[in-house]
C-alpha atoms as a PDB file:
ATOM      1  CA  MET A   1      68.460  11.205  49.558  1.00  0.00           C
ATOM      2  CA  THR A   2      66.506  12.947  52.092  1.00  0.00           C
ATOM      3  CA  ARG A   3      63.606  11.560  53.899  1.00  0.00           C
ATOM      4  CA  ILE A   4      61.281  14.016  52.268  1.00  0.00           C
ATOM      5  CA  SER A   5      62.366  13.149  48.741  1.00  0.00           C
ATOM      6  CA  VAL A   6      62.066   9.412  49.501  1.00  0.00           C
ATOM      7  CA  ALA A   7      58.610  10.001  50.983  1.00  0.00           C
ATOM      8  CA  ALA A   8      57.636  12.136  47.969  1.00  0.00           C
ATOM      9  CA  MET A   9      58.810   9.418  45.609  1.00  0.00           C
ATOM     10  CA  ALA A  10      56.885   6.786  47.521  1.00  0.00           C
ATOM     11  CA  ALA A  11      53.772   8.957  47.561  1.00  0.00           C
ATOM     12  CA  SER A  12      54.029   9.668  43.827  1.00  0.00           C
ATOM     13  CA  ALA A  13      54.532   5.978  43.093  1.00  0.00           C
ATOM     14  CA  LEU A  14      51.529   5.208  45.223  1.00  0.00           C
ATOM     15  CA  LEU A  15      49.484   7.878  43.396  1.00  0.00           C
ATOM     16  CA  LEU A  16      50.599   6.638  39.996  1.00  0.00           C
ATOM     17  CA  SER A  17      49.672   3.079  40.864  1.00  0.00           C
ATOM     18  CA  ALA A  18      46.240   4.283  41.980  1.00  0.00           C
ATOM     19  CA  CYS A  19      45.734   6.023  38.635  1.00  0.00           C
ATOM     20  CA  ALA A  20      46.461   2.913  36.631  1.00  0.00           C
ATOM     21  CA  THR A  21      43.223   1.565  35.234  1.00  0.00           C
ATOM     22  CA  GLN A  22      42.235  -1.996  35.387  1.00  0.00           C
ATOM     23  CA  PRO A  23      41.105  -3.432  32.068  1.00  0.00           C
ATOM     24  CA  ALA A  24      37.349  -3.288  31.888  1.00  0.00           C
ATOM     25  CA  ARG A  25      35.725  -6.636  32.124  1.00  0.00           C
ATOM     26  CA  GLN A  26      33.565  -7.278  29.143  1.00  0.00           C
ATOM     27  CA  THR A  27      30.337  -8.982  29.793  1.00  0.00           C
ATOM     28  CA  PRO A  28      29.416 -11.517  27.167  1.00  0.00           C
ATOM     29  CA  VAL A  29      26.678 -10.363  24.805  1.00  0.00           C
ATOM     30  CA  LEU A  30      23.940 -12.888  24.341  1.00  0.00           C
ATOM     31  CA  VAL A  31      22.439 -12.842  20.913  1.00  0.00           C
ATOM     32  CA  GLN A  32      19.076 -14.453  20.589  1.00  0.00           C
ATOM     33  CA  THR A  33      18.408 -15.987  17.258  1.00  0.00           C
ATOM     34  CA  PRO A  34      14.806 -16.228  16.239  1.00  0.00           C
ATOM     35  CA  PRO A  35      13.414 -19.718  16.270  1.00  0.00           C
ATOM     36  CA  ARG A  36      13.468 -21.446  12.961  1.00  0.00           C
ATOM     37  CA  VAL A  37      10.117 -21.716  11.329  1.00  0.00           C
ATOM     38  CA  VAL A  38       9.721 -24.458   8.843  1.00  0.00           C
ATOM     39  CA  VAL A  39       6.890 -23.814   6.449  1.00  0.00           C
ATOM     40  CA  VAL A  40       5.555 -26.731   4.553  1.00  0.00           C
ATOM     41  CA  ALA A  41       3.854 -25.328   1.505  1.00  0.00           C
ATOM     42  CA  ASP A  42       0.539 -26.873   0.724  1.00  0.00           C
ATOM     43  CA  PRO A  43       0.265 -27.714  -2.988  1.00  0.00           C
ATOM     44  CA  GLN A  44      -3.188 -26.102  -3.173  1.00  0.00           C
ATOM     45  CA  LEU A  45      -1.891 -22.811  -1.794  1.00  0.00           C
ATOM     46  CA  THR A  46       1.154 -22.900  -4.013  1.00  0.00           C
ATOM     47  CA  ASP A  47      -1.061 -23.530  -7.029  1.00  0.00           C
ATOM     48  CA  LEU A  48      -3.391 -20.640  -6.114  1.00  0.00           C
ATOM     49  CA  LEU A  49      -0.504 -18.228  -5.596  1.00  0.00           C
ATOM     50  CA  ALA A  50       0.950 -19.231  -8.961  1.00  0.00           C
ATOM     51  CA  TYR A  51      -2.475 -18.662 -10.541  1.00  0.00           C
ATOM     52  CA  GLN A  52      -2.609 -15.166  -9.003  1.00  0.00           C
ATOM     53  CA  SER A  53       0.800 -14.373 -10.475  1.00  0.00           C
ATOM     54  CA  ALA A  54      -0.260 -15.690 -13.875  1.00  0.00           C
ATOM     55  CA  LEU A  55      -3.399 -13.513 -13.849  1.00  0.00           C
ATOM     56  CA  ARG A  56      -1.289 -10.374 -13.629  1.00  0.00           C
ATOM     57  CA  LEU A  57       0.397 -11.225 -16.925  1.00  0.00           C
ATOM     58  CA  MET A  58      -2.750 -12.128 -18.866  1.00  0.00           C
ATOM     59  CA  THR A  59      -4.201  -9.980 -21.610  1.00  0.00           C
ATOM     60  CA  PRO A  60      -7.914  -9.069 -21.559  1.00  0.00           C
ATOM     61  CA  SER A  61      -8.696 -11.789 -24.104  1.00  0.00           C
ATOM     62  CA  GLU A  62      -6.845 -14.381 -22.017  1.00  0.00           C
ATOM     63  CA  LEU A  63      -8.770 -13.225 -18.951  1.00  0.00           C
ATOM     64  CA  ALA A  64     -12.060 -13.671 -20.817  1.00  0.00           C
ATOM     65  CA  LYS A  65     -11.034 -17.191 -21.857  1.00  0.00           C
ATOM     66  CA  ALA A  66     -10.061 -17.999 -18.265  1.00  0.00           C
ATOM     67  CA  GLN A  67     -13.487 -16.797 -17.113  1.00  0.00           C
ATOM     68  CA  ALA A  68     -15.197 -19.072 -19.621  1.00  0.00           C
ATOM     69  CA  ASP A  69     -13.054 -22.023 -18.510  1.00  0.00           C
ATOM     70  CA  LEU A  70     -13.756 -21.405 -14.830  1.00  0.00           C
ATOM     71  CA  ALA A  71     -17.484 -21.083 -15.467  1.00  0.00           C
ATOM     72  CA  LYS A  72     -17.439 -24.739 -16.574  1.00  0.00           C
ATOM     73  CA  ALA A  73     -15.335 -25.916 -13.601  1.00  0.00           C
ATOM     74  CA  GLU A  74     -16.796 -27.472 -10.461  1.00  0.00           C
ATOM     75  CA  HIS A  75     -17.566 -25.352  -7.425  1.00  0.00           C
ATOM     76  CA  ALA A  76     -14.673 -26.490  -5.250  1.00  0.00           C
ATOM     77  CA  PRO A  77     -13.153 -23.988  -2.783  1.00  0.00           C
ATOM     78  CA  GLN A  78      -9.999 -23.680  -4.914  1.00  0.00           C
ATOM     79  CA  ASN A  79     -12.059 -22.787  -7.974  1.00  0.00           C
ATOM     80  CA  THR A  80     -14.092 -20.301  -5.950  1.00  0.00           C
ATOM     81  CA  ILE A  81     -10.887 -18.521  -4.963  1.00  0.00           C
ATOM     82  CA  ARG A  82      -9.732 -18.643  -8.587  1.00  0.00           C
ATOM     83  CA  ARG A  83     -13.035 -17.061  -9.669  1.00  0.00           C
ATOM     84  CA  ALA A  84     -12.586 -14.311  -7.083  1.00  0.00           C
ATOM     85  CA  MET A  85      -9.011 -13.695  -8.224  1.00  0.00           C
ATOM     86  CA  LEU A  86     -10.188 -13.551 -11.817  1.00  0.00           C
ATOM     87  CA  HIS A  87     -12.943 -11.040 -11.020  1.00  0.00           C
ATOM     88  CA  ALA A  88     -10.405  -8.870  -9.214  1.00  0.00           C
ATOM     89  CA  ALA A  89      -8.012  -9.080 -12.171  1.00  0.00           C
ATOM     90  CA  VAL A  90     -10.680  -8.108 -14.723  1.00  0.00           C
ATOM     91  CA  ARG A  91     -11.684  -5.037 -12.688  1.00  0.00           C
ATOM     92  CA  GLY A  92     -14.909  -4.296 -14.453  1.00  0.00           C
ATOM     93  CA  THR A  93     -17.745  -2.438 -12.784  1.00  0.00           C
ATOM     94  CA  GLY A  94     -18.655  -4.319  -9.614  1.00  0.00           C
ATOM     95  CA  ASP A  95     -16.075  -7.074 -10.091  1.00  0.00           C
ATOM     96  CA  LEU A  96     -14.320  -6.417  -6.795  1.00  0.00           C
ATOM     97  CA  ALA A  97     -17.654  -6.634  -4.973  1.00  0.00           C
ATOM     98  CA  ARG A  98     -18.395  -9.919  -6.747  1.00  0.00           C
ATOM     99  CA  ALA A  99     -14.953 -11.220  -5.813  1.00  0.00           C
ATOM    100  CA  GLN A 100     -15.577 -10.376  -2.167  1.00  0.00           C
ATOM    101  CA  ALA A 101     -19.007 -11.996  -2.292  1.00  0.00           C
ATOM    102  CA  LEU A 102     -17.459 -15.187  -3.664  1.00  0.00           C
ATOM    103  CA  LEU A 103     -14.953 -15.304  -0.812  1.00  0.00           C
ATOM    104  CA  GLU A 104     -17.442 -14.718   2.027  1.00  0.00           C
ATOM    105  CA  PRO A 105     -18.759 -18.312   2.235  1.00  0.00           C
ATOM    106  CA  LEU A 106     -15.206 -19.663   2.388  1.00  0.00           C
ATOM    107  CA  LEU A 107     -14.501 -17.668   5.544  1.00  0.00           C
ATOM    108  CA  THR A 108     -17.109 -19.603   7.527  1.00  0.00           C
ATOM    109  CA  ALA A 109     -17.042 -22.947   5.711  1.00  0.00           C
ATOM    110  CA  THR A 110     -16.368 -26.085   7.708  1.00  0.00           C
ATOM    111  CA  GLY A 111     -14.901 -28.365   5.038  1.00  0.00           C
ATOM    112  CA  LYS A 112     -11.257 -29.404   5.279  1.00  0.00           C
ATOM    113  CA  ASP A 113     -10.248 -27.682   2.016  1.00  0.00           C
ATOM    114  CA  ALA A 114     -12.222 -24.561   2.863  1.00  0.00           C
ATOM    115  CA  GLN A 115     -10.634 -24.306   6.319  1.00  0.00           C
ATOM    116  CA  LEU A 116      -7.193 -24.654   4.779  1.00  0.00           C
ATOM    117  CA  LEU A 117      -7.967 -21.884   2.300  1.00  0.00           C
ATOM    118  CA  ALA A 118      -9.808 -19.604   4.768  1.00  0.00           C
ATOM    119  CA  PRO A 119      -6.707 -17.509   5.673  1.00  0.00           C
ATOM    120  CA  LEU A 120      -6.000 -16.890   1.982  1.00  0.00           C
ATOM    121  CA  ALA A 121      -9.654 -16.027   1.411  1.00  0.00           C
ATOM    122  CA  GLN A 122      -9.525 -13.583   4.335  1.00  0.00           C
ATOM    123  CA  LEU A 123      -6.371 -11.959   2.972  1.00  0.00           C
ATOM    124  CA  LEU A 124      -7.823 -11.603  -0.515  1.00  0.00           C
ATOM    125  CA  SER A 125     -11.128 -10.289   0.825  1.00  0.00           C
ATOM    126  CA  SER A 126      -9.400  -7.586   2.860  1.00  0.00           C
ATOM    127  CA  GLN A 127      -7.244  -6.622  -0.134  1.00  0.00           C
ATOM    128  CA  TYR A 128     -10.304  -6.361  -2.350  1.00  0.00           C
ATOM    129  CA  ALA A 129     -12.086  -4.241   0.271  1.00  0.00           C
ATOM    130  CA  GLU A 130      -9.103  -1.877   0.351  1.00  0.00           C
ATOM    131  CA  LEU A 131      -9.037  -1.709  -3.448  1.00  0.00           C
ATOM    132  CA  ARG A 132     -12.746  -0.856  -3.442  1.00  0.00           C
ATOM    133  CA  ARG A 133     -12.143   1.950  -0.927  1.00  0.00           C
ATOM    134  CA  GLN A 134      -9.329   3.294  -3.102  1.00  0.00           C
ATOM    135  CA  GLU A 135     -11.486   3.162  -6.232  1.00  0.00           C
ATOM    136  CA  ASP A 136     -14.296   4.990  -4.416  1.00  0.00           C
ATOM    137  CA  SER A 137     -11.829   7.676  -3.341  1.00  0.00           C
ATOM    138  CA  ILE A 138     -10.539   7.985  -6.887  1.00  0.00           C
ATOM    139  CA  ASP A 139     -14.098   8.318  -8.213  1.00  0.00           C
ATOM    140  CA  LYS A 140     -14.860  11.065  -5.671  1.00  0.00           C
ATOM    141  CA  LEU A 141     -11.667  12.935  -6.533  1.00  0.00           C
ATOM    142  CA  ASN A 142     -12.395  12.659 -10.245  1.00  0.00           C
ATOM    143  CA  ALA A 143     -15.900  14.057  -9.686  1.00  0.00           C
ATOM    144  CA  GLN A 144     -14.411  16.955  -7.711  1.00  0.00           C
ATOM    145  CA  LEU A 145     -11.911  17.548 -10.494  1.00  0.00           C
ATOM    146  CA  ARG A 146     -14.679  17.624 -13.122  1.00  0.00           C
ATOM    147  CA  ASP A 147     -16.674  20.096 -11.016  1.00  0.00           C
ATOM    148  CA  ALA A 148     -13.637  22.308 -10.540  1.00  0.00           C
ATOM    149  CA  GLN A 149     -12.876  22.206 -14.273  1.00  0.00           C
ATOM    150  CA  ARG A 150     -16.493  23.094 -15.062  1.00  0.00           C
ATOM    151  CA  ARG A 151     -16.274  26.103 -12.700  1.00  0.00           C
ATOM    152  CA  ILE A 152     -12.989  27.168 -14.276  1.00  0.00           C
ATOM    153  CA  ASP A 153     -14.549  26.992 -17.731  1.00  0.00           C
ATOM    154  CA  LEU A 154     -17.537  29.102 -16.596  1.00  0.00           C
ATOM    155  CA  LEU A 155     -15.251  31.677 -15.025  1.00  0.00           C
ATOM    156  CA  ASN A 156     -13.127  31.824 -18.183  1.00  0.00           C
ATOM    157  CA  GLU A 157     -16.278  32.389 -20.266  1.00  0.00           C
ATOM    158  CA  LYS A 158     -17.347  35.232 -17.952  1.00  0.00           C
ATOM    159  CA  LEU A 159     -13.875  36.738 -18.115  1.00  0.00           C
ATOM    160  CA  GLU A 160     -13.891  36.597 -21.912  1.00  0.00           C
ATOM    161  CA  ALA A 161     -17.360  38.214 -21.952  1.00  0.00           C
ATOM    162  CA  LEU A 162     -16.091  41.024 -19.724  1.00  0.00           C
ATOM    163  CA  LYS A 163     -13.053  41.499 -21.973  1.00  0.00           C
ATOM    164  CA  ASN A 164     -15.345  41.718 -25.023  1.00  0.00           C
ATOM    165  CA  ILE A 165     -17.524  44.299 -23.265  1.00  0.00           C
ATOM    166  CA  GLU A 166     -14.444  46.306 -22.336  1.00  0.00           C
ATOM    167  CA  ARG A 167     -13.185  46.244 -25.926  1.00  0.00           C
ATOM    168  CA  SER A 168     -16.592  47.265 -27.308  1.00  0.00           C
ATOM    169  CA  LEU A 169     -16.845  50.331 -25.098  1.00  0.00           C
ATOM    170  CA  SER A 170     -15.746  53.434 -26.904  1.00  0.00           C
ATOM    171  CA  VAL A 171     -13.057  55.461 -25.273  1.00  0.00           C
ATOM    172  CA  ARG A 172     -14.737  58.525 -23.734  1.00  0.00           C
ATOM    173  CA  PRO A 173     -12.884  61.806 -23.887  1.00  0.00           C
ATOM    174  CA  ALA A 174     -11.735  63.195 -20.579  1.00  0.00           C
ATOM    175  CA  ALA A 175     -13.883  65.927 -18.979  1.00  0.00           C
ATOM    176  CA  GLY A 176     -12.716  69.429 -19.810  1.00  0.00           C
ATOM    177  CA  ALA A 177     -10.630  68.336 -22.738  1.00  0.00           C
ATOM    178  CA  PRO A 178     -11.225  70.254 -25.999  1.00  0.00           C
ATOM    179  CA  LYS A 179     -13.174  68.501 -28.641  1.00  0.00           C
END
């Protein structure tokens, strides 16, 4: 072989070896797992949450009986929250406002039971406030709907009156037409 061909082969081998890729080094991926949170359920909270779930399934007569039973119960913080939940479930006029009013003293109370139940009272109070805002919006929209329907009815009456006038007019002969 000639010197040139040997040099060309050496150069091509050198070029080919330069083109060979090294395997990419993979960096280890660190996955952070969230810390475990162990929640110890307080029996009072568990009982109140179960009561809230039970209220959703009650009929109006069962709700009335529950109100009568709670009226006789002592005024412990748990019973106050139950009363508020019951008012919210009944949803009569002003019941959400009464439920919020019942919860207000629990938010600032200093007793051990009241302090334990204060976060639940805060949550329920904010939910009831939102429900009240939604009900107010619904009432406003319903009033607007009634007004719009009243205007539609008036316009339909006017349209019918105009149609009756148009029908009652006699057809006039065209000018210049023989009689």
